[in-house]
C-alpha atoms as a PDB file:
ATOM      1  CA  MET A   1      33.966  96.980 263.551  1.00  0.00           C
ATOM      2  CA  LYS A   2      37.189  97.547 265.513  1.00  0.00           C
ATOM      3  CA  GLN A   3      36.527  99.118 268.904  1.00  0.00           C
ATOM      4  CA  MET A   4      37.669 102.715 269.156  1.00  0.00           C
ATOM      5  CA  ASN A   5      40.226 103.342 271.912  1.00  0.00           C
ATOM      6  CA  ILE A   6      41.899 106.380 273.394  1.00  0.00           C
ATOM      7  CA  LYS A   7      45.039 105.975 271.258  1.00  0.00           C
ATOM      8  CA  ALA A   8      42.947 105.979 268.092  1.00  0.00           C
ATOM      9  CA  LEU A   9      41.217 109.180 269.226  1.00  0.00           C
ATOM     10  CA  ALA A  10      44.637 110.720 269.803  1.00  0.00           C
ATOM     11  CA  ARG A  11      45.750 109.792 266.272  1.00  0.00           C
ATOM     12  CA  GLU A  12      42.577 111.159 264.699  1.00  0.00           C
ATOM     13  CA  LEU A  13      42.940 114.521 266.438  1.00  0.00           C
ATOM     14  CA  ASN A  14      46.756 114.655 266.333  1.00  0.00           C
ATOM     15  CA  LEU A  15      46.867 115.044 270.123  1.00  0.00           C
ATOM     16  CA  SER A  16      48.717 113.131 272.825  1.00  0.00           C
ATOM     17  CA  VAL A  17      47.052 110.277 274.706  1.00  0.00           C
ATOM     18  CA  SER A  18      47.524 112.295 277.889  1.00  0.00           C
ATOM     19  CA  THR A  19      45.622 115.268 276.420  1.00  0.00           C
ATOM     20  CA  ILE A  20      42.742 113.018 275.283  1.00  0.00           C
ATOM     21  CA  SER A  21      42.583 111.358 278.707  1.00  0.00           C
ATOM     22  CA  LYS A  22      42.493 114.694 280.518  1.00  0.00           C
ATOM     23  CA  ALA A  23      39.875 116.109 278.148  1.00  0.00           C
ATOM     24  CA  LEU A  24      37.592 113.103 278.735  1.00  0.00           C
ATOM     25  CA  ARG A  25      37.979 113.650 282.491  1.00  0.00           C
ATOM     26  CA  ASP A  26      37.144 117.362 282.101  1.00  0.00           C
ATOM     27  CA  SER A  27      40.561 118.393 283.486  1.00  0.00           C
ATOM     28  CA  TYR A  28      41.177 122.097 284.134  1.00  0.00           C
ATOM     29  CA  GLU A  29      44.501 121.698 282.278  1.00  0.00           C
ATOM     30  CA  ILE A  30      42.725 121.336 278.910  1.00  0.00           C
ATOM     31  CA  SER A  31      41.068 124.220 277.056  1.00  0.00           C
ATOM     32  CA  GLU A  32      37.334 124.172 276.457  1.00  0.00           C
ATOM     33  CA  SER A  33      37.799 124.150 272.669  1.00  0.00           C
ATOM     34  CA  THR A  34      40.024 121.057 272.848  1.00  0.00           C
ATOM     35  CA  LYS A  35      37.595 119.310 275.204  1.00  0.00           C
ATOM     36  CA  GLN A  36      34.776 120.026 272.762  1.00  0.00           C
ATOM     37  CA  ARG A  37      36.756 118.564 269.804  1.00  0.00           C
ATOM     38  CA  VAL A  38      37.531 115.433 271.806  1.00  0.00           C
ATOM     39  CA  MET A  39      33.966 114.954 273.014  1.00  0.00           C
ATOM     40  CA  GLN A  40      32.499 115.464 269.550  1.00  0.00           C
ATOM     41  CA  LEU A  41      34.800 112.894 267.946  1.00  0.00           C
ATOM     42  CA  ALA A  42      34.295 110.435 270.805  1.00  0.00           C
ATOM     43  CA  GLU A  43      30.533 110.648 270.311  1.00  0.00           C
ATOM     44  CA  LYS A  44      30.808 110.432 266.516  1.00  0.00           C
ATOM     45  CA  LEU A  45      33.009 107.323 266.643  1.00  0.00           C
ATOM     46  CA  ASN A  46      31.016 105.762 269.503  1.00  0.00           C
ATOM     47  CA  TYR A  47      34.033 105.691 271.823  1.00  0.00           C
ATOM     48  CA  LYS A  48      33.384 103.651 274.980  1.00  0.00           C
ATOM     49  CA  PRO A  49      35.867 104.115 277.844  1.00  0.00           C
ATOM     50  CA  ASN A  50      37.345 100.961 279.333  1.00  0.00           C
ATOM     51  CA  PRO A  51      35.823 100.813 282.827  1.00  0.00           C
ATOM     52  CA  TYR A  52      38.566  98.493 284.093  1.00  0.00           C
ATOM     53  CA  ALA A  53      41.357 100.789 282.950  1.00  0.00           C
ATOM     54  CA  SER A  54      39.478 103.803 284.267  1.00  0.00           C
ATOM     55  CA  SER A  55      39.101 102.212 287.681  1.00  0.00           C
ATOM     56  CA  LEU A  56      42.823 101.477 287.769  1.00  0.00           C
ATOM     57  CA  ARG A  57      43.633 105.074 286.881  1.00  0.00           C
ATOM     58  CA  GLY A  58      41.173 106.380 289.422  1.00  0.00           C
ATOM     59  CA  LYS A  59      42.491 104.241 292.247  1.00  0.00           C
ATOM     60  CA  LYS A  60      45.489 105.543 294.150  1.00  0.00           C
ATOM     61  CA  SER A  61      48.251 103.063 294.893  1.00  0.00           C
ATOM     62  CA  ARG A  62      49.889 105.427 297.412  1.00  0.00           C
ATOM     63  CA  ASN A  63      53.231 104.301 295.949  1.00  0.00           C
ATOM     64  CA  ILE A  64      55.975 106.477 294.504  1.00  0.00           C
ATOM     65  CA  GLY A  65      58.455 104.814 292.146  1.00  0.00           C
ATOM     66  CA  VAL A  66      62.081 105.889 292.515  1.00  0.00           C
ATOM     67  CA  VAL A  67      64.152 104.748 289.524  1.00  0.00           C
ATOM     68  CA  ILE A  68      67.921 105.097 289.962  1.00  0.00           C
ATOM     69  CA  PRO A  69      71.064 103.488 288.516  1.00  0.00           C
ATOM     70  CA  GLU A  70      72.416 102.178 291.834  1.00  0.00           C
ATOM     71  CA  VAL A  71      72.392 102.585 295.613  1.00  0.00           C
ATOM     72  CA  ALA A  72      76.125 102.086 296.227  1.00  0.00           C
ATOM     73  CA  ASP A  73      76.690 105.704 295.203  1.00  0.00           C
ATOM     74  CA  SER A  74      76.303 107.856 298.321  1.00  0.00           C
ATOM     75  CA  PHE A  75      74.551 110.565 296.286  1.00  0.00           C
ATOM     76  CA  PHE A  76      71.576 108.309 295.593  1.00  0.00           C
ATOM     77  CA  SER A  77      71.455 107.016 299.169  1.00  0.00           C
ATOM     78  CA  LEU A  78      71.215 110.577 300.477  1.00  0.00           C
ATOM     79  CA  ALA A  79      68.698 111.557 297.778  1.00  0.00           C
ATOM     80  CA  ILE A  80      66.440 108.636 298.772  1.00  0.00           C
ATOM     81  CA  ASN A  81      66.503 109.838 302.377  1.00  0.00           C
ATOM     82  CA  GLY A  82      65.438 113.283 301.199  1.00  0.00           C
ATOM     83  CA  ILE A  83      62.651 111.799 299.078  1.00  0.00           C
ATOM     84  CA  GLU A  84      61.305 109.680 301.931  1.00  0.00           C
ATOM     85  CA  SER A  85      61.292 112.660 304.307  1.00  0.00           C
ATOM     86  CA  ILE A  86      58.711 114.330 302.044  1.00  0.00           C
ATOM     87  CA  VAL A  87      56.561 111.518 300.663  1.00  0.00           C
ATOM     88  CA  LYS A  88      56.042 109.677 303.961  1.00  0.00           C
ATOM     89  CA  GLU A  89      54.499 112.807 305.456  1.00  0.00           C
ATOM     90  CA  LYS A  90      51.973 112.669 302.613  1.00  0.00           C
ATOM     91  CA  GLY A  91      51.141 109.022 303.256  1.00  0.00           C
ATOM     92  CA  TYR A  92      53.039 107.531 300.317  1.00  0.00           C
ATOM     93  CA  HIS A  93      55.363 104.529 300.182  1.00  0.00           C
ATOM     94  CA  VAL A  94      58.606 104.458 298.207  1.00  0.00           C
ATOM     95  CA  LEU A  95      59.369 101.675 295.716  1.00  0.00           C
ATOM     96  CA  ILE A  96      63.070 101.754 294.823  1.00  0.00           C
ATOM     97  CA  CYS A  97      63.926 100.229 291.437  1.00  0.00           C
ATOM     98  CA  LEU A  98      67.520  99.855 290.240  1.00  0.00           C
ATOM     99  CA  THR A  99      68.438  99.938 286.549  1.00  0.00           C
ATOM    100  CA  HIS A 100      72.086  98.942 287.152  1.00  0.00           C
ATOM    101  CA  GLU A 101      73.006 101.413 284.387  1.00  0.00           C
ATOM    102  CA  ASP A 102      71.047  99.299 281.872  1.00  0.00           C
ATOM    103  CA  PHE A 103      68.700 101.014 279.412  1.00  0.00           C
ATOM    104  CA  GLU A 104      66.552  97.927 278.771  1.00  0.00           C
ATOM    105  CA  SER A 105      65.985  97.485 282.513  1.00  0.00           C
ATOM    106  CA  GLU A 106      64.967 101.126 282.737  1.00  0.00           C
ATOM    107  CA  GLN A 107      62.472 100.669 279.895  1.00  0.00           C
ATOM    108  CA  ALA A 108      60.991  97.557 281.536  1.00  0.00           C
ATOM    109  CA  ILE A 109      60.548  99.318 284.883  1.00  0.00           C
ATOM    110  CA  LEU A 110      58.704 102.260 283.340  1.00  0.00           C
ATOM    111  CA  LYS A 111      56.560  99.900 281.265  1.00  0.00           C
ATOM    112  CA  GLU A 112      55.490  98.117 284.440  1.00  0.00           C
ATOM    113  CA  PHE A 113      54.656 101.450 286.067  1.00  0.00           C
ATOM    114  CA  GLN A 114      52.073 102.125 283.350  1.00  0.00           C
ATOM    115  CA  SER A 115      49.839  99.470 284.954  1.00  0.00           C
ATOM    116  CA  GLY A 116      48.950 101.720 287.875  1.00  0.00           C
ATOM    117  CA  ARG A 117      51.438 100.272 290.335  1.00  0.00           C
ATOM    118  CA  VAL A 118      52.658 103.769 291.234  1.00  0.00           C
ATOM    119  CA  ASP A 119      51.021 107.180 291.329  1.00  0.00           C
ATOM    120  CA  GLY A 120      54.153 109.066 290.312  1.00  0.00           C
ATOM    121  CA  VAL A 121      57.821 108.572 289.485  1.00  0.00           C
ATOM    122  CA  LEU A 122      61.121 110.145 290.541  1.00  0.00           C
ATOM    123  CA  MET A 123      63.902 109.166 288.189  1.00  0.00           C
ATOM    124  CA  SER A 124      67.606 109.503 287.429  1.00  0.00           C
ATOM    125  CA  VAL A 125      68.450 107.977 284.047  1.00  0.00           C
ATOM    126  CA  SER A 126      71.057 105.275 283.388  1.00  0.00           C
ATOM    127  CA  SER A 127      74.417 105.909 281.730  1.00  0.00           C
ATOM    128  CA  GLU A 128      73.107 104.090 278.612  1.00  0.00           C
ATOM    129  CA  THR A 129      69.978 106.215 278.209  1.00  0.00           C
ATOM    130  CA  ASP A 130      70.055 108.555 275.218  1.00  0.00           C
ATOM    131  CA  ALA A 131      66.391 108.516 274.146  1.00  0.00           C
ATOM    132  CA  GLY A 132      63.250 109.295 276.119  1.00  0.00           C
ATOM    133  CA  GLY A 133      60.488 107.403 274.314  1.00  0.00           C
ATOM    134  CA  HIS A 134      59.786 105.220 277.359  1.00  0.00           C
ATOM    135  CA  ILE A 135      59.487 108.333 279.549  1.00  0.00           C
ATOM    136  CA  HIS A 136      57.109 109.970 277.054  1.00  0.00           C
ATOM    137  CA  GLU A 137      54.922 106.840 277.147  1.00  0.00           C
ATOM    138  CA  LEU A 138      54.633 107.078 280.926  1.00  0.00           C
ATOM    139  CA  ILE A 139      53.751 110.772 280.737  1.00  0.00           C
ATOM    140  CA  GLU A 140      51.085 109.993 278.118  1.00  0.00           C
ATOM    141  CA  GLN A 141      49.531 107.535 280.583  1.00  0.00           C
ATOM    142  CA  ASP A 142      49.038 110.545 282.882  1.00  0.00           C
ATOM    143  CA  VAL A 143      51.689 109.372 285.383  1.00  0.00           C
ATOM    144  CA  PRO A 144      53.566 112.450 286.650  1.00  0.00           C
ATOM    145  CA  ILE A 145      57.360 112.163 286.600  1.00  0.00           C
ATOM    146  CA  VAL A 146      60.172 114.310 287.979  1.00  0.00           C
ATOM    147  CA  LEU A 147      63.754 113.784 286.816  1.00  0.00           C
ATOM    148  CA  PHE A 148      66.616 114.523 289.176  1.00  0.00           C
ATOM    149  CA  ASP A 149      70.413 114.710 288.811  1.00  0.00           C
ATOM    150  CA  ARG A 150      70.690 112.684 285.582  1.00  0.00           C
ATOM    151  CA  VAL A 151      68.128 114.032 283.144  1.00  0.00           C
ATOM    152  CA  LEU A 152      67.262 113.948 279.457  1.00  0.00           C
ATOM    153  CA  LYS A 153      67.040 117.541 278.331  1.00  0.00           C
ATOM    154  CA  GLU A 154      64.648 116.794 275.459  1.00  0.00           C
ATOM    155  CA  VAL A 155      62.031 115.222 277.755  1.00  0.00           C
ATOM    156  CA  PRO A 156      59.387 117.794 278.819  1.00  0.00           C
ATOM    157  CA  ALA A 157      59.353 116.781 282.474  1.00  0.00           C
ATOM    158  CA  ALA A 158      59.988 118.630 285.720  1.00  0.00           C
ATOM    159  CA  ARG A 159      63.597 118.329 286.883  1.00  0.00           C
ATOM    160  CA  VAL A 160      65.909 119.038 289.805  1.00  0.00           C
ATOM    161  CA  ILE A 161      69.572 119.369 288.899  1.00  0.00           C
ATOM    162  CA  THR A 162      72.839 120.909 290.034  1.00  0.00           C
ATOM    163  CA  ASP A 163      74.992 123.476 288.235  1.00  0.00           C
ATOM    164  CA  ASP A 164      77.071 120.781 286.512  1.00  0.00           C
ATOM    165  CA  MET A 165      78.876 122.966 283.985  1.00  0.00           C
ATOM    166  CA  GLU A 166      79.775 125.527 286.644  1.00  0.00           C
ATOM    167  CA  SER A 167      80.908 122.738 288.981  1.00  0.00           C
ATOM    168  CA  GLY A 168      83.154 121.220 286.285  1.00  0.00           C
ATOM    169  CA  TYR A 169      84.642 124.666 285.733  1.00  0.00           C
ATOM    170  CA  LYS A 170      85.092 125.177 289.475  1.00  0.00           C
ATOM    171  CA  ALA A 171      86.870 121.820 289.925  1.00  0.00           C
ATOM    172  CA  THR A 172      89.255 122.429 287.011  1.00  0.00           C
ATOM    173  CA  LYS A 173      89.990 126.013 288.042  1.00  0.00           C
ATOM    174  CA  HIS A 174      90.837 124.809 291.540  1.00  0.00           C
ATOM    175  CA  LEU A 175      93.445 122.400 290.131  1.00  0.00           C
ATOM    176  CA  ILE A 176      94.957 125.067 287.861  1.00  0.00           C
ATOM    177  CA  ASP A 177      95.079 127.583 290.726  1.00  0.00           C
ATOM    178  CA  ASN A 178      96.960 124.947 292.728  1.00  0.00           C
ATOM    179  CA  GLY A 179      99.684 124.613 290.114  1.00  0.00           C
ATOM    180  CA  CYS A 180      98.394 121.981 287.676  1.00  0.00           C
ATOM    181  CA  ARG A 181      99.314 122.512 284.036  1.00  0.00           C
ATOM    182  CA  ARG A 182      97.921 119.373 282.406  1.00  0.00           C
ATOM    183  CA  VAL A 183      94.529 118.397 283.781  1.00  0.00           C
ATOM    184  CA  ALA A 184      92.707 115.246 282.652  1.00  0.00           C
ATOM    185  CA  PHE A 185      88.957 114.628 282.811  1.00  0.00           C
ATOM    186  CA  LEU A 186      87.329 111.277 283.606  1.00  0.00           C
ATOM    187  CA  GLY A 187      83.720 110.932 282.420  1.00  0.00           C
ATOM    188  CA  LEU A 188      81.296 108.027 282.767  1.00  0.00           C
ATOM    189  CA  SER A 189      79.262 108.166 279.558  1.00  0.00           C
ATOM    190  CA  LYS A 190      78.960 110.418 276.524  1.00  0.00           C
ATOM    191  CA  LYS A 191      75.190 109.922 276.764  1.00  0.00           C
ATOM    192  CA  LEU A 192      74.864 111.392 280.269  1.00  0.00           C
ATOM    193  CA  SER A 193      73.960 115.072 280.493  1.00  0.00           C
ATOM    194  CA  ILE A 194      75.849 115.439 283.786  1.00  0.00           C
ATOM    195  CA  SER A 195      79.077 114.080 282.255  1.00  0.00           C
ATOM    196  CA  ASN A 196      78.733 116.302 279.185  1.00  0.00           C
ATOM    197  CA  ASP A 197      77.978 119.439 281.208  1.00  0.00           C
ATOM    198  CA  ARG A 198      80.862 118.788 283.615  1.00  0.00           C
ATOM    199  CA  LEU A 199      83.131 118.236 280.612  1.00  0.00           C
ATOM    200  CA  LYS A 200      82.037 121.584 279.163  1.00  0.00           C
ATOM    201  CA  GLY A 201      82.980 123.257 282.445  1.00  0.00           C
ATOM    202  CA  TYR A 202      86.401 121.549 282.354  1.00  0.00           C
ATOM    203  CA  GLU A 203      86.964 122.696 278.762  1.00  0.00           C
ATOM    204  CA  LYS A 204      85.911 126.241 279.610  1.00  0.00           C
ATOM    205  CA  ALA A 205      88.436 126.499 282.453  1.00  0.00           C
ATOM    206  CA  MET A 206      91.273 124.985 280.414  1.00  0.00           C
ATOM    207  CA  HIS A 207      90.651 127.351 277.495  1.00  0.00           C
ATOM    208  CA  GLU A 208      90.204 130.342 279.777  1.00  0.00           C
ATOM    209  CA  TYR A 209      93.607 129.721 281.363  1.00  0.00           C
ATOM    210  CA  GLY A 210      95.265 128.998 278.015  1.00  0.00           C
ATOM    211  CA  TRP A 211      96.054 125.331 278.648  1.00  0.00           C
ATOM    212  CA  ARG A 212      95.838 122.836 275.773  1.00  0.00           C
ATOM    213  CA  ILE A 213      93.613 119.770 276.098  1.00  0.00           C
ATOM    214  CA  GLY A 214      95.389 116.742 274.680  1.00  0.00           C
ATOM    215  CA  LYS A 215      93.568 114.035 272.715  1.00  0.00           C
ATOM    216  CA  LYS A 216      94.158 111.534 275.517  1.00  0.00           C
ATOM    217  CA  ASP A 217      93.269 113.916 278.374  1.00  0.00           C
ATOM    218  CA  VAL A 218      89.538 113.143 278.250  1.00  0.00           C
ATOM    219  CA  VAL A 219      88.795 109.533 279.210  1.00  0.00           C
ATOM    220  CA  THR A 220      85.339 107.948 278.955  1.00  0.00           C
ATOM    221  CA  CYS A 221      85.092 105.283 281.648  1.00  0.00           C
ATOM    222  CA  THR A 222      82.641 102.386 281.982  1.00  0.00           C
ATOM    223  CA  THR A 223      80.828 100.522 284.751  1.00  0.00           C
ATOM    224  CA  ASP A 224      83.729  98.006 284.882  1.00  0.00           C
ATOM    225  CA  GLN A 225      86.073  99.212 287.634  1.00  0.00           C
ATOM    226  CA  GLN A 226      89.008  97.034 286.558  1.00  0.00           C
ATOM    227  CA  GLN A 227      88.731  98.368 283.031  1.00  0.00           C
ATOM    228  CA  ASN A 228      88.646 101.895 284.439  1.00  0.00           C
ATOM    229  CA  ILE A 229      91.791 101.273 286.508  1.00  0.00           C
ATOM    230  CA  ARG A 230      93.609 100.110 283.381  1.00  0.00           C
ATOM    231  CA  ALA A 231      92.440 103.204 281.479  1.00  0.00           C
ATOM    232  CA  VAL A 232      93.625 105.589 284.218  1.00  0.00           C
ATOM    233  CA  LYS A 233      96.961 103.768 284.534  1.00  0.00           C
ATOM    234  CA  LYS A 234      97.453 104.136 280.783  1.00  0.00           C
ATOM    235  CA  LEU A 235      96.700 107.853 281.149  1.00  0.00           C
ATOM    236  CA  LEU A 236      99.310 108.163 283.911  1.00  0.00           C
ATOM    237  CA  GLN A 237     101.953 106.186 282.011  1.00  0.00           C
ATOM    238  CA  GLN A 238     102.287 108.833 279.298  1.00  0.00           C
ATOM    239  CA  PRO A 239     105.650 110.665 279.108  1.00  0.00           C
ATOM    240  CA  ASN A 240     103.869 113.980 279.634  1.00  0.00           C
ATOM    241  CA  ARG A 241     101.334 112.621 282.117  1.00  0.00           C
ATOM    242  CA  PRO A 242      98.580 114.742 283.733  1.00  0.00           C
ATOM    243  CA  ASP A 243      99.390 116.434 287.029  1.00  0.00           C
ATOM    244  CA  GLY A 244      95.705 116.931 287.845  1.00  0.00           C
ATOM    245  CA  ILE A 245      92.548 114.832 287.432  1.00  0.00           C
ATOM    246  CA  VAL A 246      88.856 115.761 287.568  1.00  0.00           C
ATOM    247  CA  ALA A 247      86.769 112.627 288.217  1.00  0.00           C
ATOM    248  CA  SER A 248      83.188 113.385 287.213  1.00  0.00           C
ATOM    249  CA  VAL A 249      81.428 110.667 289.247  1.00  0.00           C
ATOM    250  CA  GLU A 250      81.958 109.178 292.705  1.00  0.00           C
ATOM    251  CA  LYS A 251      82.764 105.623 291.606  1.00  0.00           C
ATOM    252  CA  LEU A 252      85.929 106.928 289.895  1.00  0.00           C
ATOM    253  CA  ALA A 253      87.525 108.211 293.118  1.00  0.00           C
ATOM    254  CA  PRO A 254      88.845 104.784 294.288  1.00  0.00           C
ATOM    255  CA  VAL A 255      89.888 104.079 290.686  1.00  0.00           C
ATOM    256  CA  VAL A 256      92.196 107.105 290.642  1.00  0.00           C
ATOM    257  CA  TYR A 257      93.648 106.332 294.084  1.00  0.00           C
ATOM    258  CA  GLN A 258      94.347 102.721 293.142  1.00  0.00           C
ATOM    259  CA  ALA A 259      95.838 103.614 289.745  1.00  0.00           C
ATOM    260  CA  CYS A 260      98.159 106.199 291.330  1.00  0.00           C
ATOM    261  CA  ASN A 261      99.218 103.700 293.982  1.00  0.00           C
ATOM    262  CA  GLU A 262     100.003 101.025 291.387  1.00  0.00           C
ATOM    263  CA  GLU A 263     102.012 103.547 289.351  1.00  0.00           C
ATOM    264  CA  SER A 264     103.887 104.727 292.487  1.00  0.00           C
ATOM    265  CA  LEU A 265     102.532 108.254 292.068  1.00  0.00           C
ATOM    266  CA  ARG A 266     101.834 110.349 295.142  1.00  0.00           C
ATOM    267  CA  ILE A 267      98.625 112.323 295.681  1.00  0.00           C
ATOM    268  CA  PRO A 268      98.844 115.354 295.712  1.00  0.00           C
ATOM    269  CA  GLN A 269     102.620 115.729 295.141  1.00  0.00           C
ATOM    270  CA  ASP A 270     102.575 114.049 291.704  1.00  0.00           C
ATOM    271  CA  VAL A 271      98.879 114.123 290.829  1.00  0.00           C
ATOM    272  CA  LYS A 272      96.182 116.326 292.336  1.00  0.00           C
ATOM    273  CA  VAL A 273      92.622 114.984 292.362  1.00  0.00           C
ATOM    274  CA  VAL A 274      89.108 116.469 292.544  1.00  0.00           C
ATOM    275  CA  CYS A 275      86.088 114.163 292.463  1.00  0.00           C
ATOM    276  CA  PHE A 276      82.339 114.735 292.313  1.00  0.00           C
ATOM    277  CA  SER A 277      81.360 112.856 295.448  1.00  0.00           C
ATOM    278  CA  ASN A 278      79.171 112.781 298.541  1.00  0.00           C
ATOM    279  CA  LEU A 279      81.319 110.171 300.299  1.00  0.00           C
ATOM    280  CA  GLU A 280      81.250 110.642 304.061  1.00  0.00           C
ATOM    281  CA  ILE A 281      84.683 108.989 304.253  1.00  0.00           C
ATOM    282  CA  ALA A 282      86.238 111.519 301.820  1.00  0.00           C
ATOM    283  CA  ALA A 283      87.846 113.284 304.786  1.00  0.00           C
ATOM    284  CA  MET A 284      89.254 109.987 306.075  1.00  0.00           C
ATOM    285  CA  LEU A 285      90.967 108.844 302.875  1.00  0.00           C
ATOM    286  CA  HIS A 286      94.747 109.152 302.682  1.00  0.00           C
ATOM    287  CA  PRO A 287      95.142 111.811 301.570  1.00  0.00           C
ATOM    288  CA  SER A 288      91.679 113.253 302.203  1.00  0.00           C
ATOM    289  CA  LEU A 289      89.730 113.799 298.978  1.00  0.00           C
ATOM    290  CA  THR A 290      88.842 117.231 297.604  1.00  0.00           C
ATOM    291  CA  THR A 291      85.266 116.998 296.364  1.00  0.00           C
ATOM    292  CA  ILE A 292      82.537 118.744 294.459  1.00  0.00           C
ATOM    293  CA  THR A 293      79.699 117.850 296.817  1.00  0.00           C
ATOM    294  CA  GLN A 294      76.140 117.893 295.539  1.00  0.00           C
ATOM    295  CA  PRO A 295      73.230 118.738 297.863  1.00  0.00           C
ATOM    296  CA  ALA A 296      71.826 115.221 297.409  1.00  0.00           C
ATOM    297  CA  TYR A 297      69.410 115.240 300.353  1.00  0.00           C
ATOM    298  CA  GLU A 298      68.006 118.629 299.353  1.00  0.00           C
ATOM    299  CA  MET A 299      67.689 117.529 295.724  1.00  0.00           C
ATOM    300  CA  GLY A 300      65.688 114.499 296.832  1.00  0.00           C
ATOM    301  CA  GLN A 301      63.420 116.713 298.928  1.00  0.00           C
ATOM    302  CA  LYS A 302      62.899 119.249 296.125  1.00  0.00           C
ATOM    303  CA  ALA A 303      62.125 116.538 293.567  1.00  0.00           C
ATOM    304  CA  ALA A 304      59.669 114.819 295.921  1.00  0.00           C
ATOM    305  CA  ALA A 305      57.943 118.107 296.808  1.00  0.00           C
ATOM    306  CA  MET A 306      57.554 118.903 293.102  1.00  0.00           C
ATOM    307  CA  LEU A 307      56.041 115.460 292.467  1.00  0.00           C
ATOM    308  CA  MET A 308      53.595 115.899 295.367  1.00  0.00           C
ATOM    309  CA  ARG A 309      52.469 119.162 293.820  1.00  0.00           C
ATOM    310  CA  LEU A 310      51.885 117.469 290.472  1.00  0.00           C
ATOM    311  CA  LEU A 311      49.962 114.634 292.149  1.00  0.00           C
ATOM    312  CA  ASP A 312      47.776 117.181 293.938  1.00  0.00           C
ATOM    313  CA  LYS A 313      46.962 118.660 290.489  1.00  0.00           C
ATOM    314  CA  LYS A 314      48.228 122.039 291.617  1.00  0.00           C
ATOM    315  CA  PRO A 315      49.267 124.371 288.770  1.00  0.00           C
ATOM    316  CA  VAL A 316      53.043 124.554 288.259  1.00  0.00           C
ATOM    317  CA  GLN A 317      54.510 127.518 286.392  1.00  0.00           C
ATOM    318  CA  THR A 318      56.883 126.731 283.503  1.00  0.00           C
ATOM    319  CA  ALA A 319      59.633 128.633 285.297  1.00  0.00           C
ATOM    320  CA  ASP A 320      59.243 126.314 288.301  1.00  0.00           C
ATOM    321  CA  MET A 321      59.616 123.114 286.277  1.00  0.00           C
ATOM    322  CA  GLU A 322      63.425 123.256 286.550  1.00  0.00           C
ATOM    323  CA  VAL A 323      65.199 123.720 289.879  1.00  0.00           C
ATOM    324  CA  ILE A 324      68.978 124.218 289.891  1.00  0.00           C
ATOM    325  CA  ILE A 325      70.792 123.821 293.211  1.00  0.00           C
ATOM    326  CA  PRO A 326      74.481 124.812 293.470  1.00  0.00           C
ATOM    327  CA  SER A 327      77.159 122.281 294.414  1.00  0.00           C
ATOM    328  CA  LYS A 328      80.019 123.030 296.789  1.00  0.00           C
ATOM    329  CA  LEU A 329      83.790 122.663 296.397  1.00  0.00           C
ATOM    330  CA  VAL A 330      85.233 121.132 299.571  1.00  0.00           C
ATOM    331  CA  ARG A 331      89.031 121.564 299.636  1.00  0.00           C
ATOM    332  CA  ARG A 332      91.016 118.723 301.226  1.00  0.00           C
ATOM    333  CA  GLY A 333      94.382 117.020 301.039  1.00  0.00           C
ATOM    334  CA  SER A 334      94.236 115.619 297.500  1.00  0.00           C
ATOM    335  CA  THR A 335      94.804 119.076 295.989  1.00  0.00           C
ATOM    336  CA  SER A 336      97.144 120.745 298.479  1.00  0.00           C
ATOM    337  CA  ILE A 337     100.678 119.880 299.558  1.00  0.00           C
END
């Protein structure tokens, strides 16, 4: 006879693996009626818990996994500092894992985390991620996870984000208020919630001010910087070229500067630029770069504090599962003559 396991119990009762696991451990999160159903079926089917797996789950690694696309982006560097400021006080170590914007790498990292290597996960998804099955699997293994910045809206996990749609609107409005009449938008991926929300803000501002969005005014960039430079140059070579650009991620700032330089276009006289960026050298660029600056350090702290609460098994209200922190428009030379 095939040995009954926790996944089979979950299928029989049409419950998640996480719910079965918590019920067997008499967790306060599970109702008494559900616990009773689980216990009765476990006894009926002679379910025997795996002592090895149980010991792994019961043992704390004191590690927190931080899964991010890259560290070159100053946002993630600052967010990591914020995370460490919280988790180190609680006696945890940080394991930083890079996906390099690759979905398969992200899946492999989360699969490895199911072994008990980490107690909890803080994560910002890759630009290729458009499905959350691998995140659901981790949650079902009773590993708490908090998403920050780049999230999947359909995944029922705690999250810390910024007001991306409002920030996209704010950036575009700033360009229009400074005289721009044809504003282009540079996104990174159609799969990323932050790119889509910032695009919605851009579209809202353009429509609100009565300016038409051309078919070529929205450019989806890639992780290949040379390819991005060619795409922006093509945008700027049009007869009726844009006189303003919203770059939705930090890595596109040098792309725009280089493309304008190669096309002999002056910033801000010919093209005004706003970029989502936490670059410390933004003020030292020539001209200095107007930015939408995210509170990266604070976001890292908030996400880490939320994860610590989940690890401590403290009740978290549904309303507290999503934290939205406003970004700030910092006006500099790239939008003013």
